[in-house]
Amino acid sequence: MKNILVTGGCGFIGANFIRLALASLDNFRLVNLDKLTYAGNPQNLADIADDPRYRFVQGDICDASLIEQLFADEQIDTVVHFAAESHVDRSITGPAAFIQTNILGTFVLLEAARKAWGDNQESLQSGRRFLHVSTDEVYGSLGATGYFTESTSYDPRSPYSASKASSDHLVSAYFHTYNLPILITNCSNNYGPYQFPEKLIPLVINNALQGKDLPVYGDGKNVRDWLYVSDHCKGILTVLEQGTLGETYNIGGNTEKQNIEVVTTICDLLDEKVGVLAGDNPRRSLIKFVKDRAGHDRRYAIDASKIKDELGWQPTVGFEEGIRRTIEWYLEHSDWVGSVMDGSYQEYYQKMYDGRPQVTSRS
């Protein structure tokens, strides 16, 4: 039986991963550790909270005594590490939280795993795994051509990407120094259900539905590679089960889009699904170009051939299908969106657990 610790499991990608794991894995128990900051929403997993294979723990990955206790009590042999501060704009206005969580928090987890699993060659043959989930932003910015590969030099441009680059290097160092059985994945931009509405796609969906301005940085021609979240989670599971220890795997969607293309696509699909705005105005009329943010990388694009060739993974959900699924999900879950936007999802947690730090467990 595997005892899996998932950090940040109440967040966007973590919640989707937990759902996939519960649906597809056999003979395991999963512990979800989440601090429940603004983007950690317990409602994301409310319907699976009573699954006997699942335990929720509210806590901070920087709390070394808590992490060591979890490793001991739960006999953790697998870590899937999502927990991170991840919004670039927030990292520009408040970088300290990114340094604390993304660097120090990762260090605390690595140290707990090293103490629990040992630091000799036998650790690599134990079947244990520490998978660190990272981002393509650590590679910096591409020109008009080329792709990020696993051997691309790191060149982070924001406090967020610099903190993730630092954590990547720490994880890799623990493999070479302490024989910790690590794996690293670097993904492109995710989208799909349960994404916090500060990110581009849910922000545009929500604003467009309400007839609010749709702010687009600069000229809108910054390019991102878009990856549907369920494909990403399947890629993580593939690396966890088949990846070579010590290796990095880039997980991309093979879908480059300019930001303005993404925004106009959402506008057109919403006009199609719910009708145009008052006065017969299309939602494209809400687009407002705003001053570009500092250090805004021009283009990201991932070469995901390594994970395809070595492990057999490739994305299955194209952007046209994925964005339609995403819009439909947000339309069908307006209550979820409302609770996130007005903060009442935090009241849900307080009512559920009386506002105290809690550990919930199913025997």
Protein backbone atom coordinates (compact mmCIF):
# COMPACT_ATOMS: atom_id res chain seq x y z
CA MET A 1 0.00 0.00 0.00
CA LYS A 2 1.23 3.46 -0.91
CA ASN A 3 0.85 6.31 1.57
CA ILE A 4 0.82 9.48 -0.51
CA LEU A 5 1.28 13.01 0.84
CA VAL A 6 -0.16 15.64 -1.50
CA THR A 7 0.74 19.21 -0.58
CA GLY A 8 -1.61 21.99 -1.65
CA GLY A 9 -4.36 19.55 -2.49
CA CYS A 10 -7.17 22.08 -2.01
CA GLY A 11 -5.77 24.29 -4.76
CA PHE A 12 -6.57 24.19 -8.45
CA ILE A 13 -4.19 21.53 -9.79
CA GLY A 14 -3.89 19.68 -6.47
CA ALA A 15 -7.66 19.16 -6.20
CA ASN A 16 -7.85 17.89 -9.77
CA PHE A 17 -4.95 15.53 -9.07
CA ILE A 18 -6.58 14.14 -5.92
CA ARG A 19 -9.78 13.46 -7.85
CA LEU A 20 -7.82 11.64 -10.55
CA ALA A 21 -5.83 9.63 -7.99
CA LEU A 22 -8.97 8.51 -6.16
CA ALA A 23 -10.52 7.46 -9.46
CA SER A 24 -7.55 5.63 -10.95
CA LEU A 25 -5.12 4.33 -8.30
CA ASP A 26 -5.37 1.07 -6.35
CA ASN A 27 -4.13 0.15 -2.89
CA PHE A 28 -3.21 3.55 -1.53
CA ARG A 29 -4.06 6.12 1.12
CA LEU A 30 -3.83 9.83 0.42
CA VAL A 31 -3.09 12.63 2.91
CA ASN A 32 -3.89 16.14 1.69
CA LEU A 33 -1.89 18.85 3.48
CA ASP A 34 -3.06 22.38 2.74
CA LYS A 35 -2.59 25.64 4.63
CA LEU A 36 -5.87 26.98 3.18
CA THR A 37 -4.60 30.35 2.10
CA TYR A 38 -6.78 32.43 -0.23
CA ALA A 39 -6.50 29.95 -3.16
CA GLY A 40 -6.92 26.78 -1.08
CA ASN A 41 -10.60 25.99 -1.12
CA PRO A 42 -11.94 22.99 0.87
CA GLN A 43 -15.11 23.07 -1.22
CA ASN A 44 -13.03 21.81 -4.14
CA LEU A 45 -13.01 18.38 -2.47
CA ALA A 46 -16.12 18.50 -0.29
CA ASP A 47 -17.80 15.62 -2.13
CA ILE A 48 -14.89 13.22 -1.51
CA ALA A 49 -14.13 14.28 2.09
CA ASP A 50 -15.62 11.08 3.53
CA ASP A 51 -13.70 8.69 1.28
CA PRO A 52 -11.91 6.24 3.63
CA ARG A 53 -8.76 6.46 1.47
CA TYR A 54 -8.51 10.20 2.08
CA ARG A 55 -7.42 12.36 4.99
CA PHE A 56 -7.29 16.15 5.15
CA VAL A 57 -4.77 18.02 7.30
CA GLN A 58 -4.72 21.78 7.59
CA GLY A 59 -1.12 22.88 7.98
CA ASP A 60 1.85 24.77 6.62
CA ILE A 61 4.64 23.05 4.68
CA CYS A 62 7.05 25.35 6.53
CA ASP A 63 6.05 23.72 9.86
CA ALA A 64 8.86 21.18 10.24
CA SER A 65 7.46 19.46 13.34
CA LEU A 66 4.08 18.91 11.65
CA ILE A 67 5.68 17.55 8.48
CA GLU A 68 7.92 15.16 10.41
CA GLN A 69 4.93 13.98 12.45
CA LEU A 70 2.95 13.29 9.28
CA PHE A 71 5.80 11.27 7.77
CA ALA A 72 5.99 9.19 10.95
CA ASP A 73 2.28 8.79 11.70
CA GLU A 74 1.22 8.10 8.11
CA GLN A 75 4.36 6.20 7.04
CA ILE A 76 4.57 8.47 3.99
CA ASP A 77 6.44 6.86 1.11
CA THR A 78 5.31 9.13 -1.73
CA VAL A 79 5.15 12.93 -1.94
CA VAL A 80 3.47 14.94 -4.69
CA HIS A 81 4.39 18.54 -3.95
CA PHE A 82 2.02 21.15 -5.44
CA ALA A 83 1.89 23.67 -2.59
CA ALA A 84 3.22 27.02 -3.76
CA GLU A 85 2.53 30.69 -4.10
CA SER A 86 1.98 30.90 -7.84
CA HIS A 87 0.62 34.23 -9.07
CA VAL A 88 3.24 36.39 -10.78
CA ASP A 89 1.46 39.69 -10.07
CA ARG A 90 1.31 38.90 -6.35
CA SER A 91 5.02 37.99 -6.37
CA ILE A 92 5.84 41.45 -7.73
CA THR A 93 3.93 43.30 -5.00
CA GLY A 94 4.74 40.87 -2.18
CA PRO A 95 7.72 38.58 -2.88
CA ALA A 96 8.38 37.53 0.73
CA ALA A 97 5.57 34.95 0.82
CA PHE A 98 6.98 33.33 -2.33
CA ILE A 99 10.42 32.96 -0.82
CA GLN A 100 8.97 31.53 2.39
CA THR A 101 6.58 28.99 0.86
CA ASN A 102 8.28 28.02 -2.37
CA ILE A 103 11.86 27.80 -1.13
CA LEU A 104 11.75 27.25 2.63
CA GLY A 105 8.63 25.06 2.43
CA THR A 106 10.22 22.82 -0.18
CA PHE A 107 13.37 22.56 1.95
CA VAL A 108 11.31 21.49 4.99
CA LEU A 109 9.63 18.75 2.96
CA LEU A 110 12.93 17.53 1.55
CA GLU A 111 14.50 17.38 5.00
CA ALA A 112 11.53 15.46 6.41
CA ALA A 113 11.73 12.95 3.55
CA ARG A 114 15.48 12.55 4.00
CA LYS A 115 15.13 11.92 7.74
CA ALA A 116 12.29 9.46 7.25
CA TRP A 117 13.68 7.58 4.24
CA GLY A 118 17.44 7.72 4.82
CA ASP A 119 20.16 9.15 2.63
CA ASN A 120 22.00 6.12 1.30
CA GLN A 121 21.95 4.32 -2.02
CA GLU A 122 19.31 1.90 -0.76
CA SER A 123 16.83 4.79 -0.65
CA LEU A 124 16.81 4.82 -4.44
CA GLN A 125 15.71 1.18 -4.54
CA SER A 126 12.93 1.54 -1.97
CA GLY A 127 10.06 2.44 -4.28
CA ARG A 128 9.64 5.79 -2.54
CA ARG A 129 9.09 8.91 -4.60
CA PHE A 130 9.28 12.68 -4.07
CA LEU A 131 7.71 14.44 -7.08
CA HIS A 132 8.14 18.19 -7.21
CA VAL A 133 5.68 20.06 -9.45
CA SER A 134 7.18 23.16 -11.05
CA THR A 135 6.63 25.54 -13.95
CA ASP A 136 8.03 26.41 -17.37
CA GLU A 137 8.49 29.98 -16.13
CA VAL A 138 11.84 28.99 -14.60
CA TYR A 139 13.28 28.92 -18.12
CA GLY A 140 12.61 32.60 -18.77
CA SER A 141 11.39 33.96 -22.10
CA LEU A 142 11.62 32.57 -25.63
CA GLY A 143 11.93 34.50 -28.85
CA ALA A 144 9.65 33.90 -31.82
CA THR A 145 11.03 30.39 -32.32
CA GLY A 146 12.36 27.53 -30.23
CA TYR A 147 11.08 25.51 -27.29
CA PHE A 148 11.95 24.85 -23.68
CA THR A 149 13.54 21.44 -23.16
CA GLU A 150 14.68 19.77 -19.96
CA SER A 151 18.22 21.00 -20.68
CA THR A 152 17.26 24.66 -21.25
CA SER A 153 19.22 26.95 -18.95
CA TYR A 154 17.22 28.56 -16.15
CA ASP A 155 16.56 32.28 -16.56
CA PRO A 156 13.70 33.33 -14.24
CA ARG A 157 12.36 36.86 -14.64
CA SER A 158 9.97 37.36 -11.67
CA PRO A 159 10.16 36.67 -7.92
CA TYR A 160 7.68 33.82 -8.51
CA SER A 161 9.72 32.07 -11.18
CA ALA A 162 12.96 32.73 -9.27
CA SER A 163 11.51 31.07 -6.18
CA LYS A 164 10.38 28.06 -8.20
CA ALA A 165 13.78 27.83 -9.90
CA SER A 166 15.40 27.83 -6.46
CA SER A 167 13.14 25.03 -5.26
CA ASP A 168 13.87 23.00 -8.41
CA HIS A 169 17.59 23.26 -7.73
CA LEU A 170 17.11 22.24 -4.09
CA VAL A 171 15.14 19.15 -5.10
CA SER A 172 17.75 18.15 -7.66
CA ALA A 173 20.55 18.70 -5.14
CA TYR A 174 18.90 16.32 -2.67
CA PHE A 175 19.04 13.59 -5.30
CA HIS A 176 22.73 14.06 -5.97
CA THR A 177 23.77 14.73 -2.36
CA TYR A 178 21.44 12.53 -0.32
CA ASN A 179 20.15 9.91 -2.80
CA LEU A 180 16.61 11.19 -2.28
CA PRO A 181 14.36 9.54 -4.91
CA ILE A 182 13.16 12.73 -6.58
CA LEU A 183 11.35 13.58 -9.80
CA ILE A 184 10.65 17.06 -11.20
CA THR A 185 7.97 18.16 -13.62
CA ASN A 186 7.81 21.56 -15.29
CA CYS A 187 4.42 22.33 -16.81
CA SER A 188 2.99 24.98 -19.11
CA ASN A 189 -0.05 27.15 -18.29
CA ASN A 190 -2.91 25.09 -16.85
CA TYR A 191 -6.61 25.78 -17.20
CA GLY A 192 -9.81 23.96 -16.30
CA PRO A 193 -12.22 23.44 -13.36
CA TYR A 194 -11.55 24.90 -9.89
CA GLN A 195 -9.00 27.51 -10.98
CA PHE A 196 -8.96 30.58 -8.74
CA PRO A 197 -10.47 33.54 -10.62
CA GLU A 198 -7.38 35.73 -10.49
CA LYS A 199 -5.78 33.73 -13.33
CA LEU A 200 -6.37 34.76 -16.94
CA ILE A 201 -8.99 32.29 -18.17
CA PRO A 202 -11.36 32.22 -15.15
CA LEU A 203 -10.90 35.99 -14.72
CA VAL A 204 -11.96 36.63 -18.30
CA ILE A 205 -14.91 34.22 -18.04
CA ASN A 206 -16.15 35.82 -14.83
CA ASN A 207 -15.67 39.42 -15.96
CA ALA A 208 -17.18 38.77 -19.38
CA LEU A 209 -20.29 37.24 -17.84
CA GLN A 210 -20.73 40.32 -15.65
CA GLY A 211 -20.03 42.83 -18.41
CA LYS A 212 -16.86 44.06 -16.72
CA ASP A 213 -13.67 45.22 -18.43
CA LEU A 214 -11.32 42.51 -19.69
CA PRO A 215 -7.81 43.82 -18.94
CA VAL A 216 -5.09 42.57 -21.31
CA TYR A 217 -1.44 43.37 -20.63
CA GLY A 218 0.54 45.28 -23.25
CA ASP A 219 -0.39 44.42 -26.83
CA GLY A 220 -1.87 41.04 -25.86
CA LYS A 221 0.61 39.15 -28.01
CA ASN A 222 2.45 37.37 -25.21
CA VAL A 223 2.37 33.66 -26.05
CA ARG A 224 1.67 30.79 -23.65
CA ASP A 225 1.40 27.03 -24.14
CA TRP A 226 -1.95 25.93 -22.69
CA LEU A 227 -2.44 22.57 -20.95
CA TYR A 228 -5.80 21.24 -19.78
CA VAL A 229 -5.52 20.38 -16.10
CA SER A 230 -6.66 16.75 -16.38
CA ASP A 231 -3.93 16.11 -18.96
CA HIS A 232 -1.38 17.63 -16.59
CA CYS A 233 -2.54 15.45 -13.71
CA LYS A 234 -2.33 12.33 -15.89
CA GLY A 235 1.18 13.37 -16.84
CA ILE A 236 2.15 13.70 -13.17
CA LEU A 237 0.79 10.23 -12.43
CA THR A 238 2.73 8.86 -15.40
CA VAL A 239 5.98 10.39 -14.16
CA LEU A 240 5.28 9.20 -10.61
CA GLU A 241 4.77 5.62 -11.76
CA GLN A 242 7.28 5.34 -14.61
CA GLY A 243 9.74 8.23 -14.42
CA THR A 244 13.48 7.76 -13.97
CA LEU A 245 14.66 8.98 -10.58
CA GLY A 246 16.59 12.23 -10.65
CA GLU A 247 15.09 13.27 -13.98
CA THR A 248 13.05 16.28 -15.04
CA TYR A 249 10.06 15.96 -17.38
CA ASN A 250 8.45 18.89 -19.19
CA ILE A 251 4.67 18.57 -19.47
CA GLY A 252 3.13 20.78 -22.16
CA GLY A 253 -0.10 21.07 -24.10
CA ASN A 254 1.37 21.61 -27.58
CA THR A 255 -1.00 24.60 -27.85
CA GLU A 256 0.57 28.02 -28.26
CA LYS A 257 -1.85 30.93 -28.07
CA GLN A 258 -1.40 34.66 -27.80
CA ASN A 259 -3.18 36.06 -24.74
CA ILE A 260 -5.45 38.12 -26.95
CA GLU A 261 -6.47 34.96 -28.84
CA VAL A 262 -7.48 33.31 -25.58
CA VAL A 263 -9.52 36.33 -24.51
CA THR A 264 -11.35 36.73 -27.82
CA THR A 265 -12.09 32.99 -28.00
CA ILE A 266 -13.72 33.13 -24.56
CA CYS A 267 -15.71 36.23 -25.56
CA ASP A 268 -17.02 34.58 -28.72
CA LEU A 269 -17.94 31.32 -26.97
CA LEU A 270 -19.82 33.16 -24.22
CA ASP A 271 -21.68 35.22 -26.82
CA GLU A 272 -22.61 31.93 -28.47
CA LYS A 273 -23.70 30.24 -25.25
CA VAL A 274 -25.43 32.99 -23.26
CA GLY A 275 -26.02 35.76 -25.80
CA VAL A 276 -24.34 39.10 -26.40
CA LEU A 277 -24.38 42.03 -24.00
CA ALA A 278 -27.09 44.64 -23.66
CA GLY A 279 -27.30 46.90 -26.70
CA ASP A 280 -26.30 43.97 -28.93
CA ASN A 281 -22.63 44.48 -28.03
CA PRO A 282 -20.26 41.51 -28.38
CA ARG A 283 -18.10 40.76 -25.38
CA ARG A 284 -14.98 41.64 -27.36
CA SER A 285 -16.03 45.24 -26.73
CA LEU A 286 -15.04 44.77 -23.08
CA ILE A 287 -11.34 44.24 -23.91
CA LYS A 288 -9.11 46.97 -22.49
CA PHE A 289 -5.37 46.98 -23.09
CA VAL A 290 -3.47 48.01 -19.94
CA LYS A 291 0.12 48.80 -19.05
CA ASP A 292 2.32 45.71 -19.31
CA ARG A 293 3.51 44.19 -16.06
CA ALA A 294 7.17 44.29 -15.03
CA GLY A 295 9.31 41.42 -16.31
CA HIS A 296 6.50 40.02 -18.50
CA ASP A 297 7.96 37.11 -20.47
CA ARG A 298 7.10 37.29 -24.15
CA ARG A 299 6.72 33.63 -25.06
CA TYR A 300 6.69 30.20 -23.41
CA ALA A 301 6.56 26.96 -25.36
CA ILE A 302 7.38 23.47 -24.14
CA ASP A 303 8.96 20.60 -26.00
CA ALA A 304 7.25 17.62 -24.33
CA SER A 305 8.90 14.97 -26.51
CA LYS A 306 10.87 13.44 -23.62
CA ILE A 307 7.82 12.40 -21.61
CA LYS A 308 6.14 11.21 -24.81
CA ASP A 309 9.09 9.17 -26.06
CA GLU A 310 10.19 7.72 -22.73
CA LEU A 311 6.91 7.34 -20.83
CA GLY A 312 4.21 7.37 -23.51
CA TRP A 313 2.32 10.42 -22.24
CA GLN A 314 0.88 13.11 -24.47
CA PRO A 315 -2.01 15.57 -24.09
CA THR A 316 -5.43 14.38 -25.21
CA VAL A 317 -7.56 17.49 -24.77
CA GLY A 318 -7.05 20.16 -27.43
CA PHE A 319 -7.58 23.82 -26.64
CA GLU A 320 -10.87 24.14 -28.51
CA GLU A 321 -12.36 21.24 -26.55
CA GLY A 322 -10.69 22.23 -23.29
CA ILE A 323 -11.82 25.85 -23.33
CA ARG A 324 -15.40 24.79 -24.08
CA ARG A 325 -15.31 22.33 -21.17
CA THR A 326 -13.89 25.03 -18.93
CA ILE A 327 -16.51 27.62 -19.84
CA GLU A 328 -19.29 25.07 -19.36
CA TRP A 329 -17.91 24.14 -15.92
CA TYR A 330 -17.86 27.77 -14.77
CA LEU A 331 -21.36 28.36 -16.11
CA GLU A 332 -22.62 25.28 -14.25
CA HIS A 333 -20.79 26.21 -11.03
CA SER A 334 -21.77 29.84 -10.57
CA ASP A 335 -22.28 29.22 -6.84
CA TRP A 336 -18.66 28.10 -6.52
CA VAL A 337 -17.47 31.18 -8.39
CA GLY A 338 -19.63 33.44 -6.23
CA SER A 339 -18.33 31.94 -2.98
CA VAL A 340 -14.76 32.42 -4.14
CA MET A 341 -15.28 35.97 -5.29
CA ASP A 342 -17.02 37.11 -2.08
CA GLY A 343 -14.83 35.06 0.27
CA SER A 344 -17.69 32.99 1.67
CA TYR A 345 -15.83 29.76 0.86
CA GLN A 346 -13.67 30.66 3.87
CA GLU A 347 -16.82 30.86 5.97
CA TYR A 348 -17.63 27.34 4.75
CA TYR A 349 -14.37 26.14 6.25
CA GLN A 350 -14.98 27.99 9.50
CA LYS A 351 -18.44 26.46 9.85
CA MET A 352 -17.14 23.00 8.99
CA TYR A 353 -14.21 23.06 11.40
CA ASP A 354 -15.22 25.85 13.81
CA GLY A 355 -12.37 28.00 12.53
CA ARG A 356 -9.64 26.07 14.35
CA PRO A 357 -6.61 24.37 12.79
CA GLN A 358 -7.79 20.84 12.31
CA VAL A 359 -6.72 17.37 11.36
CA THR A 360 -9.49 15.19 10.00
CA SER A 361 -9.05 11.51 9.56
CA ARG A 362 -10.97 8.43 8.52
CA SER A 363 -10.00 5.10 10.05
